[in-house]
N, C-alpha and C. Protein backbone atom coordinates (compact mmCIF):
# COMPACT_ATOMS: atom_id res chain seq x y z
N MET A 1 0.86 -1.17 0.00
CA MET A 1 0.00 0.00 0.00
C MET A 1 0.90 1.23 0.00
N ALA A 2 0.49 2.22 -0.75
CA ALA A 2 1.24 3.48 -0.80
C ALA A 2 0.28 4.64 -0.59
N PRO A 3 0.43 5.39 0.50
CA PRO A 3 -0.47 6.52 0.75
C PRO A 3 0.01 7.79 0.04
N PHE A 4 -0.93 8.65 -0.27
CA PHE A 4 -0.64 9.95 -0.87
C PHE A 4 -1.39 11.02 -0.10
N ASP A 5 -0.72 12.11 0.25
CA ASP A 5 -1.40 13.16 1.00
C ASP A 5 -1.54 14.46 0.21
N GLU A 6 -0.90 14.56 -0.95
CA GLU A 6 -1.01 15.79 -1.73
C GLU A 6 -1.22 15.48 -3.22
N PHE A 7 -1.77 14.33 -3.52
CA PHE A 7 -2.00 13.96 -4.91
C PHE A 7 -3.14 14.80 -5.49
N ALA A 8 -2.94 15.33 -6.67
CA ALA A 8 -3.95 16.12 -7.39
C ALA A 8 -4.24 17.47 -6.76
N ILE A 9 -3.29 18.03 -6.03
CA ILE A 9 -3.46 19.37 -5.48
C ILE A 9 -2.69 20.34 -6.37
N ARG A 10 -3.39 21.31 -6.94
CA ARG A 10 -2.78 22.24 -7.89
C ARG A 10 -1.67 23.08 -7.28
N GLU A 11 -1.83 23.48 -6.03
CA GLU A 11 -0.84 24.36 -5.40
C GLU A 11 0.49 23.65 -5.15
N GLY A 12 0.49 22.35 -5.12
CA GLY A 12 1.72 21.57 -4.90
C GLY A 12 1.72 20.36 -5.81
N PRO A 13 2.05 20.55 -7.07
CA PRO A 13 1.92 19.46 -8.04
C PRO A 13 3.04 18.41 -7.99
N GLY A 14 4.00 18.57 -7.11
CA GLY A 14 5.15 17.67 -7.09
C GLY A 14 4.81 16.21 -6.91
N GLU A 15 3.92 15.89 -5.99
CA GLU A 15 3.57 14.50 -5.74
C GLU A 15 2.84 13.90 -6.95
N THR A 16 1.93 14.65 -7.52
CA THR A 16 1.20 14.17 -8.70
C THR A 16 2.16 13.92 -9.86
N GLU A 17 3.06 14.86 -10.10
CA GLU A 17 4.03 14.72 -11.19
C GLU A 17 4.94 13.51 -10.96
N ALA A 18 5.37 13.29 -9.73
CA ALA A 18 6.24 12.16 -9.43
C ALA A 18 5.53 10.82 -9.64
N VAL A 19 4.29 10.74 -9.19
CA VAL A 19 3.52 9.49 -9.36
C VAL A 19 3.27 9.23 -10.84
N GLU A 20 2.87 10.26 -11.58
CA GLU A 20 2.60 10.07 -13.00
C GLU A 20 3.88 9.70 -13.76
N ALA A 21 5.01 10.29 -13.38
CA ALA A 21 6.27 9.94 -14.04
C ALA A 21 6.67 8.50 -13.71
N PHE A 22 6.52 8.12 -12.45
CA PHE A 22 6.89 6.77 -12.03
C PHE A 22 6.06 5.72 -12.77
N PHE A 23 4.76 5.99 -12.92
CA PHE A 23 3.86 5.04 -13.58
C PHE A 23 3.68 5.35 -15.07
N GLU A 24 4.58 6.17 -15.62
CA GLU A 24 4.60 6.50 -17.04
C GLU A 24 3.27 7.07 -17.52
N GLY A 25 2.70 7.99 -16.74
CA GLY A 25 1.47 8.66 -17.13
C GLY A 25 0.20 7.86 -16.93
N LYS A 26 0.31 6.66 -16.38
CA LYS A 26 -0.86 5.81 -16.15
C LYS A 26 -0.87 5.35 -14.68
N PRO A 27 -1.13 6.30 -13.76
CA PRO A 27 -1.11 5.91 -12.35
C PRO A 27 -2.21 4.91 -12.02
N PRO A 28 -2.02 4.13 -10.97
CA PRO A 28 -3.05 3.17 -10.57
C PRO A 28 -4.28 3.89 -10.05
N ARG A 29 -5.35 3.16 -9.90
CA ARG A 29 -6.57 3.73 -9.32
C ARG A 29 -6.28 4.09 -7.87
N ILE A 30 -6.49 5.34 -7.53
CA ILE A 30 -6.23 5.79 -6.17
C ILE A 30 -7.55 5.86 -5.41
N VAL A 31 -7.59 5.20 -4.27
CA VAL A 31 -8.78 5.15 -3.43
C VAL A 31 -8.71 6.30 -2.44
N LYS A 32 -9.75 7.12 -2.40
CA LYS A 32 -9.78 8.29 -1.52
C LYS A 32 -10.13 7.87 -0.10
N PHE A 33 -9.42 8.48 0.87
CA PHE A 33 -9.79 8.27 2.26
C PHE A 33 -11.14 8.97 2.49
N PRO A 34 -12.15 8.28 2.99
CA PRO A 34 -13.48 8.89 3.14
C PRO A 34 -13.52 10.04 4.14
N TRP A 35 -12.58 10.10 5.05
CA TRP A 35 -12.57 11.14 6.08
C TRP A 35 -11.73 12.35 5.69
N ALA A 36 -11.05 12.30 4.56
CA ALA A 36 -10.14 13.38 4.18
C ALA A 36 -10.84 14.47 3.38
N SER A 37 -10.50 15.72 3.67
CA SER A 37 -11.08 16.83 2.93
C SER A 37 -10.29 17.14 1.65
N ALA A 38 -9.00 16.83 1.64
CA ALA A 38 -8.17 16.99 0.45
C ALA A 38 -8.24 15.69 -0.36
N PRO A 39 -7.74 15.69 -1.58
CA PRO A 39 -7.79 14.45 -2.36
C PRO A 39 -6.74 13.44 -1.91
N ASP A 40 -6.70 13.16 -0.61
CA ASP A 40 -5.77 12.17 -0.06
C ASP A 40 -6.27 10.76 -0.38
N GLY A 41 -5.36 9.82 -0.51
CA GLY A 41 -5.78 8.47 -0.79
C GLY A 41 -4.60 7.50 -0.81
N TYR A 42 -4.84 6.33 -1.36
CA TYR A 42 -3.82 5.29 -1.40
C TYR A 42 -4.10 4.35 -2.56
N PHE A 43 -3.12 3.55 -2.91
CA PHE A 43 -3.36 2.46 -3.84
C PHE A 43 -2.68 1.23 -3.28
N VAL A 44 -3.15 0.06 -3.69
CA VAL A 44 -2.61 -1.21 -3.25
C VAL A 44 -2.10 -1.94 -4.48
N LYS A 45 -0.83 -2.33 -4.45
CA LYS A 45 -0.28 -3.10 -5.55
C LYS A 45 -0.60 -4.56 -5.31
N ALA A 46 -1.25 -5.15 -6.26
CA ALA A 46 -1.66 -6.57 -6.12
C ALA A 46 -0.54 -7.51 -6.49
């Protein structure tokens, strides 16, 4: 499991850019934490 706390936030695009670069522009489906107000979430590698 890999958590993300700033994915898809315009003001700080670094995490989004790093994930997209690592996964070659096709990031895995990210599951949003239901209690989070920001687009925080995680993915699980099967």
